[in-house]
N, C-alpha and C. Protein backbone atom coordinates (compact mmCIF):
# COMPACT_ATOMS: atom_id res chain seq x y z
N UNK A 1 19.95 -25.51 44.10
CA UNK A 1 20.12 -25.89 42.72
C UNK A 1 19.05 -25.27 41.84
N UNK A 2 17.82 -25.13 42.37
CA UNK A 2 16.75 -24.55 41.55
C UNK A 2 16.97 -23.06 41.30
N UNK A 3 17.67 -22.37 42.20
CA UNK A 3 17.94 -20.95 41.97
C UNK A 3 18.91 -20.76 40.80
N UNK A 4 19.77 -21.74 40.58
CA UNK A 4 20.70 -21.67 39.46
C UNK A 4 19.93 -21.77 38.15
N UNK A 5 18.95 -22.66 38.10
CA UNK A 5 18.16 -22.81 36.88
C UNK A 5 17.36 -21.54 36.59
N UNK A 6 16.83 -20.92 37.62
CA UNK A 6 16.11 -19.65 37.44
C UNK A 6 17.01 -18.57 36.91
N UNK A 7 18.23 -18.51 37.42
CA UNK A 7 19.21 -17.53 36.96
C UNK A 7 19.58 -17.80 35.50
N UNK A 8 19.78 -19.06 35.16
CA UNK A 8 20.14 -19.43 33.79
C UNK A 8 19.00 -19.08 32.83
N UNK A 9 17.78 -19.34 33.23
CA UNK A 9 16.62 -19.02 32.38
C UNK A 9 16.51 -17.51 32.20
N UNK A 10 16.66 -16.75 33.27
CA UNK A 10 16.59 -15.28 33.17
C UNK A 10 17.71 -14.74 32.29
N UNK A 11 18.91 -15.28 32.45
CA UNK A 11 20.04 -14.86 31.62
C UNK A 11 19.78 -15.18 30.15
N UNK A 12 19.21 -16.33 29.90
CA UNK A 12 18.87 -16.72 28.52
C UNK A 12 17.85 -15.79 27.91
N UNK A 13 16.86 -15.39 28.69
CA UNK A 13 15.82 -14.48 28.19
C UNK A 13 16.41 -13.11 27.88
N UNK A 14 17.29 -12.61 28.73
CA UNK A 14 17.93 -11.31 28.50
C UNK A 14 18.83 -11.39 27.27
N UNK A 15 19.59 -12.48 27.14
CA UNK A 15 20.47 -12.65 25.98
C UNK A 15 19.65 -12.72 24.70
N UNK A 16 18.51 -13.41 24.73
CA UNK A 16 17.66 -13.52 23.55
C UNK A 16 17.06 -12.16 23.18
N UNK A 17 16.65 -11.37 24.16
CA UNK A 17 16.12 -10.04 23.90
C UNK A 17 17.19 -9.15 23.28
N UNK A 18 18.42 -9.24 23.77
CA UNK A 18 19.53 -8.48 23.19
C UNK A 18 19.79 -8.92 21.76
N UNK A 19 19.75 -10.21 21.51
CA UNK A 19 19.94 -10.74 20.16
C UNK A 19 18.89 -10.18 19.21
N UNK A 20 17.62 -10.18 19.63
CA UNK A 20 16.56 -9.67 18.78
C UNK A 20 16.72 -8.18 18.50
N UNK A 21 17.13 -7.42 19.50
CA UNK A 21 17.32 -5.97 19.31
C UNK A 21 18.46 -5.70 18.34
N UNK A 22 19.56 -6.40 18.50
CA UNK A 22 20.71 -6.19 17.61
C UNK A 22 20.37 -6.64 16.19
N UNK A 23 19.67 -7.75 16.06
CA UNK A 23 19.28 -8.24 14.73
C UNK A 23 18.38 -7.22 14.04
N UNK A 24 17.46 -6.63 14.78
CA UNK A 24 16.57 -5.61 14.22
C UNK A 24 17.36 -4.39 13.76
N UNK A 25 18.34 -3.97 14.56
CA UNK A 25 19.17 -2.81 14.18
C UNK A 25 19.98 -3.10 12.92
N UNK A 26 20.52 -4.31 12.81
CA UNK A 26 21.30 -4.68 11.62
C UNK A 26 20.41 -4.71 10.40
N UNK A 27 19.22 -5.29 10.51
CA UNK A 27 18.29 -5.33 9.38
C UNK A 27 17.87 -3.93 8.95
N UNK A 28 17.61 -3.05 9.92
CA UNK A 28 17.25 -1.67 9.58
C UNK A 28 18.39 -0.97 8.87
N UNK A 29 19.61 -1.17 9.34
CA UNK A 29 20.77 -0.54 8.72
C UNK A 29 20.95 -1.04 7.29
N UNK A 30 20.78 -2.34 7.06
CA UNK A 30 20.90 -2.91 5.71
C UNK A 30 19.80 -2.41 4.80
N UNK A 31 18.64 -2.09 5.37
CA UNK A 31 17.51 -1.59 4.59
C UNK A 31 17.63 -0.09 4.30
N UNK A 32 18.70 0.53 4.80
CA UNK A 32 18.93 1.94 4.53
C UNK A 32 18.35 2.87 5.58
N UNK A 33 17.81 2.31 6.63
CA UNK A 33 17.28 3.14 7.71
C UNK A 33 18.42 3.51 8.65
N UNK A 34 18.34 4.68 9.20
CA UNK A 34 19.38 5.13 10.12
C UNK A 34 19.05 4.67 11.53
N UNK A 35 20.06 4.41 12.30
CA UNK A 35 19.84 4.03 13.69
C UNK A 35 19.57 5.24 14.57
N UNK A 36 19.94 6.44 14.10
CA UNK A 36 19.79 7.62 14.93
C UNK A 36 18.70 8.57 14.44
N UNK A 37 18.31 8.45 13.19
CA UNK A 37 17.31 9.38 12.65
C UNK A 37 16.17 8.60 12.02
N UNK A 38 15.00 8.72 12.60
CA UNK A 38 13.84 8.05 12.04
C UNK A 38 13.05 8.95 11.11
N UNK A 39 13.54 10.15 10.85
CA UNK A 39 12.87 11.13 9.99
C UNK A 39 11.47 11.44 10.50
N UNK A 40 11.28 11.34 11.78
CA UNK A 40 9.98 11.64 12.36
C UNK A 40 10.15 12.42 13.66
N UNK A 41 11.22 13.19 13.74
CA UNK A 41 11.48 13.96 14.95
C UNK A 41 10.55 15.17 15.00
N UNK A 42 9.93 15.40 16.12
CA UNK A 42 9.00 16.52 16.24
C UNK A 42 9.72 17.86 16.20
N UNK A 43 10.96 17.90 16.65
CA UNK A 43 11.68 19.17 16.72
C UNK A 43 12.72 19.30 15.63
N UNK A 44 12.67 18.43 14.64
CA UNK A 44 13.65 18.45 13.56
C UNK A 44 13.24 19.49 12.52
N UNK A 45 14.21 20.22 11.99
CA UNK A 45 13.90 21.22 10.99
C UNK A 45 13.83 20.63 9.59
N UNK A 46 14.04 19.32 9.48
CA UNK A 46 14.00 18.67 8.19
C UNK A 46 15.33 18.70 7.48
N UNK A 47 16.39 19.09 8.16
CA UNK A 47 17.70 19.20 7.54
C UNK A 47 18.48 17.89 7.62
N UNK A 48 17.87 16.86 8.08
CA UNK A 48 18.55 15.58 8.22
C UNK A 48 18.91 15.04 6.85
N UNK A 49 20.16 14.71 6.66
CA UNK A 49 20.61 14.23 5.36
C UNK A 49 20.17 12.80 5.08
N UNK A 50 19.63 12.12 6.08
CA UNK A 50 19.20 10.74 5.89
C UNK A 50 17.80 10.65 5.30
N UNK A 51 17.02 11.70 5.39
CA UNK A 51 15.64 11.69 4.91
C UNK A 51 15.59 11.87 3.39
N UNK A 52 14.54 11.37 2.80
CA UNK A 52 14.33 11.57 1.37
C UNK A 52 13.99 13.04 1.13
N UNK A 53 14.16 13.53 -0.10
CA UNK A 53 13.82 14.94 -0.39
C UNK A 53 12.36 15.26 -0.07
N UNK A 54 11.46 14.32 -0.31
CA UNK A 54 10.05 14.55 0.00
C UNK A 54 9.84 14.68 1.51
N UNK A 55 10.52 13.83 2.26
CA UNK A 55 10.40 13.87 3.72
C UNK A 55 11.01 15.15 4.26
N UNK A 56 12.13 15.59 3.68
CA UNK A 56 12.74 16.84 4.11
C UNK A 56 11.81 18.02 3.86
N UNK A 57 11.12 18.02 2.71
CA UNK A 57 10.18 19.11 2.39
C UNK A 57 9.01 19.10 3.37
N UNK A 58 8.50 17.91 3.69
CA UNK A 58 7.38 17.80 4.63
C UNK A 58 7.79 18.29 6.01
N UNK A 59 8.98 17.90 6.46
CA UNK A 59 9.45 18.33 7.77
C UNK A 59 9.70 19.84 7.80
N UNK A 60 10.20 20.40 6.70
CA UNK A 60 10.44 21.85 6.63
C UNK A 60 9.12 22.60 6.72
N UNK A 61 8.10 22.12 6.02
CA UNK A 61 6.77 22.76 6.10
C UNK A 61 6.22 22.69 7.51
N UNK A 62 6.39 21.53 8.15
CA UNK A 62 5.92 21.36 9.52
C UNK A 62 6.65 22.33 10.46
N UNK A 63 7.96 22.44 10.31
CA UNK A 63 8.75 23.34 11.14
C UNK A 63 8.32 24.79 10.95
N UNK A 64 8.09 25.19 9.69
CA UNK A 64 7.67 26.56 9.42
C UNK A 64 6.29 26.86 9.99
N UNK A 65 5.38 25.89 9.92
CA UNK A 65 4.05 26.13 10.48
C UNK A 65 4.11 26.29 11.99
N UNK A 66 4.97 25.52 12.66
CA UNK A 66 5.13 25.66 14.11
C UNK A 66 5.73 27.01 14.45
N UNK A 67 6.71 27.44 13.66
CA UNK A 67 7.35 28.73 13.88
C UNK A 67 6.35 29.86 13.73
N UNK A 68 5.50 29.80 12.71
CA UNK A 68 4.50 30.83 12.49
C UNK A 68 3.49 30.87 13.63
N UNK A 69 3.08 29.71 14.14
CA UNK A 69 2.15 29.65 15.26
C UNK A 69 2.76 30.28 16.48
N UNK A 70 4.05 30.01 16.73
CA UNK A 70 4.73 30.57 17.90
C UNK A 70 4.89 32.08 17.79
N UNK A 71 5.08 32.59 16.58
CA UNK A 71 5.22 34.03 16.41
C UNK A 71 3.90 34.75 16.61
N UNK A 72 2.79 34.09 16.36
CA UNK A 72 1.46 34.70 16.52
C UNK A 72 1.08 34.82 17.98
N UNK A 73 1.69 34.01 18.81
CA UNK A 73 1.33 34.01 20.24
C UNK A 73 1.95 35.14 20.96
């Protein structure tokens, strides 16, 4: 009987963790954040349509600086 209670508690903890993750994703989506693009990708060229124009410009500059460094090598 005690193993059933342990299983129920573990199931409850997993269900609660899933609830928190989904709630966070819904709140982020309502706040205008994308679930797939955090605008902080290291290999992104800054062409993501979800980023603000300022963030796109910053990412483009970062991408160009990496490209120039690679060409010098």
